[in-house]
Amino acid sequence: MSQTADRKQEVARPASKYGFEESWLDRTPRWLSLLVLGVAGILIWYGITLLEVVSPILFPGPIETFEEIYLSARGILSGDHVFEALVITTQEVIWGFIAAAALGFFFGVIVGETKIGQKAVMPYLVGFNASPKVAFAPVFVAWFGFGINSKIVMALFIAFFPVIVDTAAGLASTDRDTVMLFRSLGASRWQTLTKLKLPNALPYIFAGLKTAAVFSVVGAVVGEYLGGGKGLGELVRLSAQQLRLDRVFALIFYLSLLGLALFAFVSWLERRLVFWHKPEPLEITSA
């Protein structure tokens, strides 16, 4: 009788997808894990500032930073200069991301589908990607001026390469036997690309787009920081010069929200368009 009860208890015991028994970490909701980790980080941050391990001028505490975040939020809602800077940076990020997505997809198809793209175009693209991109900021300012155009080009320049690589990788991941089946049924190269390879490559393409969404924020801020302008990157530079690092942290917070919002939009678009592909969420597993 006891053996039967023990077997029933083992069957009822939850197991992870790898076949091992689930630990308490596996059963913990993700929001709770994020909350605990965030609170722990803030407490460590507060402890460092309380012990004055670093000068408060150079490393503001969480209270000062949160106060500056609140003041900046009030300014954004009232339409002051922070709101105007946020609008400008948002325009630069969005247009830079759109340009990076279009250009990256175009070159990704060329690299993934043509021999000349693989042998001649890709080495040049890798060389451009390996170059110090920050050094191009004053060049773009000289070419496109101090307005938003130079920042859009900078965002494009930093963000387009992941789209190229993931698009080419997605096209190359198509099963060779399936391609041969399409060809044997009389499908042209264009039909094979549009009806087989591109749908198969969409998860890869969206992976590159999500990376580009984050990089476009970096590119716009780098362009503003080194090439002037009126966006949040310029406010970060001015605040750093005045040693208002609490304001710098607050502006970085809003820049992070901007990148997170664009990343979330691309993820939402992926779930709508690539509905047949259900990637498993990242899970915490015990060692």
Protein backbone atom coordinates (compact mmCIF):
# COMPACT_ATOMS: atom_id res chain seq x y z
CA MET A 1 0.00 0.00 0.00
CA SER A 2 2.80 2.40 0.93
CA GLN A 3 4.73 1.57 -2.25
CA THR A 4 1.68 2.41 -4.39
CA ALA A 5 1.28 5.76 -2.59
CA ASP A 6 4.97 6.55 -3.08
CA ARG A 7 4.69 5.84 -6.81
CA LYS A 8 1.64 8.09 -7.10
CA GLN A 9 3.52 10.84 -5.28
CA GLU A 10 6.46 10.51 -7.68
CA VAL A 11 4.13 10.74 -10.69
CA ALA A 12 2.41 13.82 -9.26
CA ARG A 13 5.75 15.46 -8.57
CA PRO A 14 6.38 18.17 -11.24
CA ALA A 15 9.31 17.68 -13.59
CA SER A 16 11.10 20.16 -15.78
CA LYS A 17 11.31 19.89 -19.55
CA TYR A 18 14.69 18.19 -19.16
CA GLY A 19 13.20 15.35 -17.12
CA PHE A 20 14.59 16.47 -13.77
CA GLU A 21 12.57 17.33 -10.70
CA GLU A 22 11.59 21.00 -10.59
CA SER A 23 13.20 23.11 -7.88
CA TRP A 24 11.65 26.07 -6.13
CA LEU A 25 13.35 28.34 -8.66
CA ASP A 26 11.47 26.63 -11.49
CA ARG A 27 8.17 27.20 -9.72
CA THR A 28 8.88 30.85 -8.86
CA PRO A 29 6.98 33.34 -11.06
CA ARG A 30 9.21 35.41 -13.30
CA TRP A 31 7.83 38.71 -12.01
CA LEU A 32 8.76 37.71 -8.46
CA SER A 33 12.31 36.80 -9.51
CA LEU A 34 12.69 40.14 -11.28
CA LEU A 35 11.29 42.01 -8.26
CA VAL A 36 13.60 40.28 -5.77
CA LEU A 37 16.66 40.83 -7.95
CA GLY A 38 15.75 44.50 -8.53
CA VAL A 39 15.20 45.17 -4.82
CA ALA A 40 18.49 43.44 -3.98
CA GLY A 41 20.33 45.57 -6.53
CA ILE A 42 18.82 48.79 -5.15
CA LEU A 43 19.75 47.79 -1.59
CA ILE A 44 23.34 47.07 -2.63
CA TRP A 45 23.40 50.40 -4.47
CA TYR A 46 22.09 52.20 -1.37
CA GLY A 47 24.62 50.41 0.85
CA ILE A 48 27.52 51.52 -1.35
CA THR A 49 26.41 55.15 -1.21
CA LEU A 50 25.65 54.94 2.53
CA LEU A 51 29.16 53.67 3.28
CA GLU A 52 30.57 56.31 0.89
CA VAL A 53 32.72 53.76 -0.90
CA VAL A 54 32.59 56.20 -3.80
CA SER A 55 32.11 59.96 -3.53
CA PRO A 56 28.39 60.91 -3.67
CA ILE A 57 29.29 63.47 -6.33
CA LEU A 58 30.54 60.74 -8.64
CA PHE A 59 28.07 58.03 -7.63
CA PRO A 60 24.64 59.34 -6.59
CA GLY A 61 22.40 57.17 -4.48
CA PRO A 62 19.07 55.66 -5.47
CA ILE A 63 17.05 58.30 -3.62
CA GLU A 64 18.65 61.19 -5.51
CA THR A 65 18.35 59.29 -8.79
CA PHE A 66 14.68 58.44 -8.26
CA GLU A 67 13.95 62.06 -7.37
CA GLU A 68 15.56 63.16 -10.63
CA ILE A 69 13.60 60.52 -12.55
CA TYR A 70 10.39 61.91 -11.00
CA LEU A 71 11.33 65.50 -11.82
CA SER A 72 12.20 64.52 -15.39
CA ALA A 73 8.86 62.71 -15.69
CA ARG A 74 7.04 65.85 -14.57
CA GLY A 75 9.00 67.83 -17.12
CA ILE A 76 8.12 65.37 -19.86
CA LEU A 77 4.42 65.54 -18.98
CA SER A 78 4.51 69.34 -18.93
CA GLY A 79 6.30 69.51 -22.31
CA ASP A 80 9.54 71.16 -21.19
CA HIS A 81 13.01 70.80 -22.75
CA VAL A 82 13.33 67.17 -21.61
CA PHE A 83 10.16 66.31 -23.53
CA GLU A 84 11.47 68.08 -26.63
CA ALA A 85 14.77 66.22 -26.34
CA LEU A 86 12.92 62.91 -25.93
CA VAL A 87 10.86 63.58 -29.07
CA ILE A 88 13.98 64.36 -31.09
CA THR A 89 15.84 61.26 -29.89
CA THR A 90 12.78 59.09 -30.51
CA GLN A 91 12.60 60.31 -34.10
CA GLU A 92 16.29 59.57 -34.61
CA VAL A 93 15.96 56.08 -33.13
CA ILE A 94 12.84 55.11 -35.09
CA TRP A 95 14.08 56.38 -38.45
CA GLY A 96 17.52 54.88 -37.84
CA PHE A 97 15.94 51.55 -36.96
CA ILE A 98 13.69 51.55 -40.03
CA ALA A 99 16.64 52.38 -42.29
CA ALA A 100 18.79 49.70 -40.62
CA ALA A 101 16.02 47.11 -41.01
CA ALA A 102 15.50 47.90 -44.71
CA LEU A 103 19.19 48.10 -45.61
CA GLY A 104 20.11 45.11 -43.47
CA PHE A 105 17.37 42.97 -45.02
CA PHE A 106 18.43 43.99 -48.54
CA PHE A 107 22.09 43.11 -48.04
CA GLY A 108 21.16 40.01 -46.04
CA VAL A 109 19.23 38.64 -48.99
CA ILE A 110 22.13 39.46 -51.32
CA VAL A 111 24.62 37.73 -49.04
CA GLY A 112 22.37 34.75 -48.39
CA GLU A 113 21.24 34.19 -51.99
CA THR A 114 24.12 35.13 -54.28
CA LYS A 115 27.69 33.95 -54.66
CA ILE A 116 28.94 37.49 -55.25
CA GLY A 117 27.28 38.53 -52.02
CA GLN A 118 29.03 35.81 -50.06
CA LYS A 119 32.45 36.21 -51.70
CA ALA A 120 32.66 39.95 -52.41
CA VAL A 121 30.01 41.92 -50.51
CA MET A 122 30.20 40.20 -47.12
CA PRO A 123 33.94 40.83 -46.53
CA TYR A 124 33.41 44.56 -47.06
CA LEU A 125 30.42 44.55 -44.71
CA VAL A 126 32.46 42.75 -42.06
CA GLY A 127 35.23 45.31 -42.52
CA PHE A 128 32.78 48.18 -42.02
CA ASN A 129 31.36 46.48 -38.95
CA ALA A 130 34.85 45.93 -37.50
CA SER A 131 35.75 49.60 -37.89
CA PRO A 132 35.51 51.94 -34.87
CA LYS A 133 32.00 53.26 -35.50
CA VAL A 134 32.27 56.04 -32.92
CA ALA A 135 34.99 57.65 -35.03
CA PHE A 136 32.49 58.14 -37.85
CA ALA A 137 30.25 60.46 -35.80
CA PRO A 138 32.13 63.68 -36.72
CA VAL A 139 32.33 62.47 -40.32
CA PHE A 140 28.56 62.07 -40.50
CA VAL A 141 28.11 65.50 -38.91
CA ALA A 142 30.33 67.01 -41.60
CA TRP A 143 28.37 65.23 -44.33
CA PHE A 144 24.80 65.56 -43.03
CA GLY A 145 24.94 68.52 -40.65
CA PHE A 146 24.20 68.97 -36.95
CA GLY A 147 20.50 68.08 -37.28
CA ILE A 148 18.81 64.73 -36.86
CA ASN A 149 20.00 63.39 -40.23
CA SER A 150 23.54 62.69 -38.99
CA LYS A 151 22.15 60.92 -35.90
CA ILE A 152 19.83 58.79 -38.04
CA VAL A 153 22.78 57.73 -40.18
CA MET A 154 24.79 56.94 -37.04
CA ALA A 155 21.96 54.79 -35.69
CA LEU A 156 21.72 53.05 -39.05
CA PHE A 157 25.47 52.49 -39.18
CA ILE A 158 25.56 50.78 -35.77
CA ALA A 159 22.32 48.80 -36.06
CA PHE A 160 22.20 47.37 -39.58
CA PHE A 161 24.86 44.62 -39.37
CA PRO A 162 22.96 42.19 -37.06
CA VAL A 163 20.03 42.26 -39.50
CA ILE A 164 22.37 41.32 -42.36
CA VAL A 165 23.94 38.40 -40.50
CA ASP A 166 20.68 36.97 -39.15
CA THR A 167 18.87 37.35 -42.49
CA ALA A 168 21.66 35.52 -44.33
CA ALA A 169 21.80 32.85 -41.61
CA GLY A 170 18.04 32.36 -41.80
CA LEU A 171 18.09 31.90 -45.56
CA ALA A 172 20.96 29.43 -45.27
CA SER A 173 19.09 27.41 -42.60
CA THR A 174 16.43 26.24 -45.06
CA ASP A 175 16.43 22.48 -45.45
CA ARG A 176 18.25 21.54 -48.66
CA ASP A 177 15.91 18.65 -49.40
CA THR A 178 12.91 20.96 -49.20
CA VAL A 179 14.58 23.37 -51.60
CA MET A 180 15.21 20.52 -54.04
CA LEU A 181 11.55 19.49 -53.72
CA PHE A 182 10.45 23.04 -54.63
CA ARG A 183 12.76 23.05 -57.63
CA SER A 184 11.53 19.64 -58.79
CA LEU A 185 7.96 20.95 -58.72
CA GLY A 186 8.94 23.72 -61.12
CA ALA A 187 9.24 26.58 -58.65
CA SER A 188 11.42 29.45 -59.83
CA ARG A 189 14.23 30.89 -57.74
CA TRP A 190 12.04 33.86 -56.81
CA GLN A 191 9.18 31.59 -55.75
CA THR A 192 11.54 29.46 -53.69
CA LEU A 193 12.85 32.57 -51.98
CA THR A 194 9.49 34.19 -51.22
CA LYS A 195 7.43 31.08 -50.42
CA LEU A 196 10.00 28.89 -48.68
CA LYS A 197 13.24 30.57 -47.63
CA LEU A 198 11.92 33.90 -46.34
CA PRO A 199 9.13 32.37 -44.20
CA ASN A 200 11.70 29.93 -42.80
CA ALA A 201 14.12 32.80 -42.12
CA LEU A 202 11.61 35.06 -40.32
CA PRO A 203 12.58 33.95 -36.78
CA TYR A 204 16.22 34.72 -37.59
CA ILE A 205 15.30 38.06 -39.17
CA PHE A 206 13.32 39.13 -36.12
CA ALA A 207 16.23 38.13 -33.88
CA GLY A 208 18.39 40.56 -35.85
CA LEU A 209 15.68 43.24 -35.72
CA LYS A 210 15.48 42.98 -31.92
CA THR A 211 19.24 43.47 -31.70
CA ALA A 212 19.01 46.40 -34.11
CA ALA A 213 16.25 47.95 -31.98
CA VAL A 214 18.67 48.24 -29.07
CA PHE A 215 21.65 49.27 -31.19
CA SER A 216 19.69 52.07 -32.86
CA VAL A 217 19.31 53.77 -29.47
CA VAL A 218 23.04 53.44 -28.92
CA GLY A 219 23.79 54.91 -32.34
CA ALA A 220 21.48 57.90 -31.88
CA VAL A 221 22.92 58.71 -28.45
CA VAL A 222 26.51 58.36 -29.68
CA GLY A 223 25.71 60.69 -32.56
CA GLU A 224 24.21 63.28 -30.18
CA TYR A 225 26.99 62.91 -27.64
CA LEU A 226 29.79 63.45 -30.16
CA GLY A 227 28.03 65.46 -32.86
CA GLY A 228 25.86 67.86 -30.91
CA GLY A 229 22.13 68.11 -31.35
CA LYS A 230 19.13 68.68 -29.11
CA GLY A 231 18.28 65.16 -27.97
CA LEU A 232 18.73 63.25 -24.74
CA GLY A 233 22.32 62.39 -25.63
CA GLU A 234 23.18 66.09 -25.62
CA LEU A 235 21.47 66.49 -22.23
CA VAL A 236 23.53 63.57 -20.91
CA ARG A 237 26.71 65.25 -22.10
CA LEU A 238 25.81 68.60 -20.54
CA SER A 239 24.74 66.99 -17.25
CA ALA A 240 28.00 65.01 -17.08
CA GLN A 241 30.01 68.18 -17.60
CA GLN A 242 28.14 69.77 -14.68
CA LEU A 243 28.73 66.63 -12.53
CA ARG A 244 24.96 66.17 -12.23
CA LEU A 245 25.30 62.42 -12.37
CA ASP A 246 21.90 61.88 -10.77
CA ARG A 247 20.41 63.59 -13.84
CA VAL A 248 22.66 61.50 -16.08
CA PHE A 249 21.31 58.32 -14.48
CA ALA A 250 17.74 59.58 -14.88
CA LEU A 251 18.26 60.33 -18.58
CA ILE A 252 19.88 56.93 -19.08
CA PHE A 253 16.78 55.42 -17.49
CA TYR A 254 14.52 57.07 -20.07
CA LEU A 255 16.84 56.06 -22.89
CA SER A 256 16.63 52.48 -21.64
CA LEU A 257 12.83 52.71 -21.64
CA LEU A 258 12.97 53.93 -25.24
CA GLY A 259 15.08 50.95 -26.30
CA LEU A 260 12.90 48.58 -24.30
CA ALA A 261 9.73 49.95 -25.92
CA LEU A 262 11.14 49.47 -29.43
CA PHE A 263 12.35 45.97 -28.52
CA ALA A 264 8.89 45.11 -27.14
CA PHE A 265 7.22 46.38 -30.31
CA VAL A 266 9.43 44.18 -32.51
CA SER A 267 8.70 41.21 -30.22
CA TRP A 268 4.96 41.89 -30.47
CA LEU A 269 5.24 42.11 -34.25
CA GLU A 270 7.13 38.81 -34.30
CA ARG A 271 4.37 37.08 -32.34
CA ARG A 272 1.78 38.37 -34.82
CA LEU A 273 3.65 37.57 -38.03
CA VAL A 274 5.61 34.46 -37.05
CA PHE A 275 2.70 32.82 -35.25
CA TRP A 276 3.83 29.30 -36.16
CA HIS A 277 7.14 29.74 -34.36
CA LYS A 278 6.77 29.59 -30.59
CA PRO A 279 10.17 30.08 -28.93
CA GLU A 280 10.31 28.79 -25.39
CA PRO A 281 10.81 31.51 -22.78
CA LEU A 282 14.09 31.67 -20.91
CA GLU A 283 13.82 29.61 -17.77
CA ILE A 284 15.87 29.47 -14.58
CA THR A 285 17.07 25.95 -13.99
CA SER A 286 19.00 24.62 -11.07
CA ALA A 287 22.50 23.37 -11.64
